[in-house]
Amino acid sequence: MTSSISPFGRWLNGTVRVADYGSLVADFLVREEMTNPAGILHGGASTAILDDLIGTMVFSLGREYAYTSVNLTIDFLHAARMGGIVTATAKVIREGKNIIHCEGSIVAASGVLIAKCATNLIQTSVKLDL
């Protein structure tokens, strides 16, 4: 994602694995600056990964206007250690005219579910030049 539309997404530096309409999957290396003092993926970094991946996926839907998150509920279920690779998935659950409901998850290479979220994005007045 080095050419992501999101500057923050470029910093996260994920590698896209699957990109379909309404679905996006990317791998992320858990770098030191993404960890807490215990050397595990910081909850804020997990949230940022999911929020950014979902936002990028919604952008790719080709809507006329930009969308922004109005909420994001996240559950932290397991630890991911520094140096590990995690896979994040974003998917549309319901695509309305003004509100898009999405879910996301982060899974470790071992298959353990690290975090999961649900979020709603709302259409803004910012017109996109696609």
C-alpha atoms as a PDB file:
ATOM      1  CA  MET A   1       0.000   0.000   0.000  1.00  0.00           C
ATOM      2  CA  THR A   2       2.952   2.319  -0.633  1.00  0.00           C
ATOM      3  CA  SER A   3       0.794   4.208  -3.127  1.00  0.00           C
ATOM      4  CA  SER A   4      -2.313   4.339  -0.924  1.00  0.00           C
ATOM      5  CA  ILE A   5      -4.568   7.388  -1.169  1.00  0.00           C
ATOM      6  CA  SER A   6      -4.063   7.681   2.598  1.00  0.00           C
ATOM      7  CA  PRO A   7      -0.777   9.132   3.895  1.00  0.00           C
ATOM      8  CA  PHE A   8      -1.362   7.221   7.135  1.00  0.00           C
ATOM      9  CA  GLY A   9      -2.004   4.076   5.122  1.00  0.00           C
ATOM     10  CA  ARG A  10       1.356   4.539   3.414  1.00  0.00           C
ATOM     11  CA  TRP A  11       2.984   4.700   6.870  1.00  0.00           C
ATOM     12  CA  LEU A  12       1.204   1.493   7.911  1.00  0.00           C
ATOM     13  CA  ASN A  13       2.750  -0.005   4.746  1.00  0.00           C
ATOM     14  CA  GLY A  14       0.500  -3.011   4.227  1.00  0.00           C
ATOM     15  CA  THR A  15       0.697  -5.414   1.309  1.00  0.00           C
ATOM     16  CA  VAL A  16      -2.613  -5.927  -0.490  1.00  0.00           C
ATOM     17  CA  ARG A  17      -3.405  -9.630  -0.970  1.00  0.00           C
ATOM     18  CA  VAL A  18      -6.998  -9.539  -2.255  1.00  0.00           C
ATOM     19  CA  ALA A  19      -9.001  -6.660  -3.685  1.00  0.00           C
ATOM     20  CA  ASP A  20     -12.586  -7.314  -4.741  1.00  0.00           C
ATOM     21  CA  TYR A  21     -15.624  -5.051  -4.841  1.00  0.00           C
ATOM     22  CA  GLY A  22     -16.605  -4.613  -1.184  1.00  0.00           C
ATOM     23  CA  SER A  23     -13.634  -6.548   0.198  1.00  0.00           C
ATOM     24  CA  LEU A  24      -9.958  -5.811   0.822  1.00  0.00           C
ATOM     25  CA  VAL A  25      -7.304  -8.009   2.463  1.00  0.00           C
ATOM     26  CA  ALA A  26      -3.793  -6.840   3.370  1.00  0.00           C
ATOM     27  CA  ASP A  27      -0.824  -8.091   5.386  1.00  0.00           C
ATOM     28  CA  PHE A  28       1.026  -5.863   7.864  1.00  0.00           C
ATOM     29  CA  LEU A  29       4.360  -6.323   9.607  1.00  0.00           C
ATOM     30  CA  VAL A  30       4.099  -5.483  13.321  1.00  0.00           C
ATOM     31  CA  ARG A  31       6.927  -2.931  13.571  1.00  0.00           C
ATOM     32  CA  GLU A  32       8.399  -1.630  16.824  1.00  0.00           C
ATOM     33  CA  GLU A  33       6.702   1.758  16.468  1.00  0.00           C
ATOM     34  CA  MET A  34       3.325  -0.071  16.308  1.00  0.00           C
ATOM     35  CA  THR A  35       3.817  -1.814  19.669  1.00  0.00           C
ATOM     36  CA  ASN A  36       3.202  -1.040  23.315  1.00  0.00           C
ATOM     37  CA  PRO A  37       5.876  -1.373  26.056  1.00  0.00           C
ATOM     38  CA  ALA A  38       5.228  -5.141  26.205  1.00  0.00           C
ATOM     39  CA  GLY A  39       6.270  -5.503  22.552  1.00  0.00           C
ATOM     40  CA  ILE A  40       2.799  -6.388  21.284  1.00  0.00           C
ATOM     41  CA  LEU A  41       0.625  -4.663  18.704  1.00  0.00           C
ATOM     42  CA  HIS A  42      -0.819  -1.544  20.340  1.00  0.00           C
ATOM     43  CA  GLY A  43      -4.611  -1.356  20.455  1.00  0.00           C
ATOM     44  CA  GLY A  44      -4.452   2.020  18.741  1.00  0.00           C
ATOM     45  CA  ALA A  45      -2.371   0.531  15.931  1.00  0.00           C
ATOM     46  CA  SER A  46      -4.878  -2.317  15.509  1.00  0.00           C
ATOM     47  CA  THR A  47      -7.676   0.227  15.345  1.00  0.00           C
ATOM     48  CA  ALA A  48      -5.735   2.345  12.848  1.00  0.00           C
ATOM     49  CA  ILE A  49      -5.062  -0.655  10.599  1.00  0.00           C
ATOM     50  CA  LEU A  50      -8.741  -1.565  10.490  1.00  0.00           C
ATOM     51  CA  ASP A  51     -10.029   1.995  10.134  1.00  0.00           C
ATOM     52  CA  ASP A  52      -7.599   2.787   7.324  1.00  0.00           C
ATOM     53  CA  LEU A  53      -8.144  -0.485   5.449  1.00  0.00           C
ATOM     54  CA  ILE A  54     -11.929  -0.116   5.668  1.00  0.00           C
ATOM     55  CA  GLY A  55     -11.690   3.512   4.523  1.00  0.00           C
ATOM     56  CA  THR A  56      -9.535   2.526   1.561  1.00  0.00           C
ATOM     57  CA  MET A  57     -11.951  -0.265   0.657  1.00  0.00           C
ATOM     58  CA  VAL A  58     -14.939   2.115   0.810  1.00  0.00           C
ATOM     59  CA  PHE A  59     -13.036   4.628  -1.377  1.00  0.00           C
ATOM     60  CA  SER A  60     -12.551   1.854  -3.935  1.00  0.00           C
ATOM     61  CA  LEU A  61     -16.334   1.443  -4.277  1.00  0.00           C
ATOM     62  CA  GLY A  62     -16.216   4.363  -6.718  1.00  0.00           C
ATOM     63  CA  ARG A  63     -18.731   6.609  -4.978  1.00  0.00           C
ATOM     64  CA  GLU A  64     -19.133  10.227  -6.128  1.00  0.00           C
ATOM     65  CA  TYR A  65     -18.526  11.619  -2.608  1.00  0.00           C
ATOM     66  CA  ALA A  66     -16.021  10.788   0.133  1.00  0.00           C
ATOM     67  CA  TYR A  67     -17.112   8.815   3.189  1.00  0.00           C
ATOM     68  CA  THR A  68     -15.891   9.153   6.758  1.00  0.00           C
ATOM     69  CA  SER A  69     -16.239   6.965   9.848  1.00  0.00           C
ATOM     70  CA  VAL A  70     -18.956   7.944  12.318  1.00  0.00           C
ATOM     71  CA  ASN A  71     -18.171   5.115  14.733  1.00  0.00           C
ATOM     72  CA  LEU A  72     -15.921   2.113  15.116  1.00  0.00           C
ATOM     73  CA  THR A  73     -16.395  -0.554  17.761  1.00  0.00           C
ATOM     74  CA  ILE A  74     -13.430  -2.852  18.244  1.00  0.00           C
ATOM     75  CA  ASP A  75     -12.729  -5.947  20.321  1.00  0.00           C
ATOM     76  CA  PHE A  76      -9.125  -6.849  21.161  1.00  0.00           C
ATOM     77  CA  LEU A  77      -9.011 -10.634  21.496  1.00  0.00           C
ATOM     78  CA  HIS A  78      -5.380 -11.749  21.350  1.00  0.00           C
ATOM     79  CA  ALA A  79      -1.841 -10.361  21.182  1.00  0.00           C
ATOM     80  CA  ALA A  80       0.312  -9.991  18.079  1.00  0.00           C
ATOM     81  CA  ARG A  81       4.058  -9.761  18.745  1.00  0.00           C
ATOM     82  CA  MET A  82       6.560  -7.373  17.225  1.00  0.00           C
ATOM     83  CA  GLY A  83       8.054  -8.839  14.044  1.00  0.00           C
ATOM     84  CA  GLY A  84       4.961 -10.902  13.269  1.00  0.00           C
ATOM     85  CA  ILE A  85       2.807 -10.585  10.178  1.00  0.00           C
ATOM     86  CA  VAL A  86      -0.915  -9.999  10.633  1.00  0.00           C
ATOM     87  CA  THR A  87      -3.622 -10.140   7.981  1.00  0.00           C
ATOM     88  CA  ALA A  88      -6.389  -7.551   8.057  1.00  0.00           C
ATOM     89  CA  THR A  89      -9.677  -7.960   6.219  1.00  0.00           C
ATOM     90  CA  ALA A  90     -12.265  -5.269   5.457  1.00  0.00           C
ATOM     91  CA  LYS A  91     -15.676  -6.038   4.014  1.00  0.00           C
ATOM     92  CA  VAL A  92     -18.927  -4.253   3.283  1.00  0.00           C
ATOM     93  CA  ILE A  93     -21.896  -5.694   5.141  1.00  0.00           C
ATOM     94  CA  ARG A  94     -24.537  -3.231   3.937  1.00  0.00           C
ATOM     95  CA  GLU A  95     -24.039  -0.597   1.267  1.00  0.00           C
ATOM     96  CA  GLY A  96     -26.715   2.087   1.607  1.00  0.00           C
ATOM     97  CA  LYS A  97     -27.031   5.372  -0.246  1.00  0.00           C
ATOM     98  CA  ASN A  98     -25.601   7.496   2.613  1.00  0.00           C
ATOM     99  CA  ILE A  99     -24.357   4.971   5.194  1.00  0.00           C
ATOM    100  CA  ILE A 100     -22.062   2.020   4.546  1.00  0.00           C
ATOM    101  CA  HIS A 101     -21.766  -0.602   7.302  1.00  0.00           C
ATOM    102  CA  CYS A 102     -18.508  -2.582   7.343  1.00  0.00           C
ATOM    103  CA  GLU A 103     -16.718  -5.171   9.419  1.00  0.00           C
ATOM    104  CA  GLY A 104     -13.040  -5.860   9.775  1.00  0.00           C
ATOM    105  CA  SER A 105     -10.696  -8.317  11.418  1.00  0.00           C
ATOM    106  CA  ILE A 106      -7.017  -8.861  12.110  1.00  0.00           C
ATOM    107  CA  VAL A 107      -5.693 -12.423  12.204  1.00  0.00           C
ATOM    108  CA  ALA A 108      -2.206 -13.669  13.108  1.00  0.00           C
ATOM    109  CA  ALA A 109      -0.274 -16.021  10.804  1.00  0.00           C
ATOM    110  CA  SER A 110      -1.234 -18.830  13.205  1.00  0.00           C
ATOM    111  CA  GLY A 111      -4.919 -18.154  12.528  1.00  0.00           C
ATOM    112  CA  VAL A 112      -5.616 -16.587  15.919  1.00  0.00           C
ATOM    113  CA  LEU A 113      -8.113 -13.705  15.795  1.00  0.00           C
ATOM    114  CA  ILE A 114      -6.293 -10.609  17.106  1.00  0.00           C
ATOM    115  CA  ALA A 115      -9.078  -8.017  16.784  1.00  0.00           C
ATOM    116  CA  LYS A 116     -12.419  -7.471  15.089  1.00  0.00           C
ATOM    117  CA  CYS A 117     -14.514  -4.384  14.462  1.00  0.00           C
ATOM    118  CA  ALA A 118     -17.763  -2.999  13.118  1.00  0.00           C
ATOM    119  CA  THR A 119     -18.060   0.515  11.728  1.00  0.00           C
ATOM    120  CA  ASN A 120     -20.398   2.844   9.890  1.00  0.00           C
ATOM    121  CA  LEU A 121     -19.201   5.383   7.340  1.00  0.00           C
ATOM    122  CA  ILE A 122     -21.309   8.303   6.180  1.00  0.00           C
ATOM    123  CA  GLN A 123     -21.252  10.221   2.934  1.00  0.00           C
ATOM    124  CA  THR A 124     -19.677  13.682   3.192  1.00  0.00           C
ATOM    125  CA  SER A 125     -20.108  16.727   0.998  1.00  0.00           C
ATOM    126  CA  VAL A 126     -16.575  16.291  -0.401  1.00  0.00           C
ATOM    127  CA  LYS A 127     -16.873  15.420  -4.088  1.00  0.00           C
ATOM    128  CA  LEU A 128     -14.201  13.034  -5.354  1.00  0.00           C
ATOM    129  CA  ASP A 129     -12.321  13.390  -8.620  1.00  0.00           C
ATOM    130  CA  LEU A 130     -12.174   9.790  -9.770  1.00  0.00           C
END
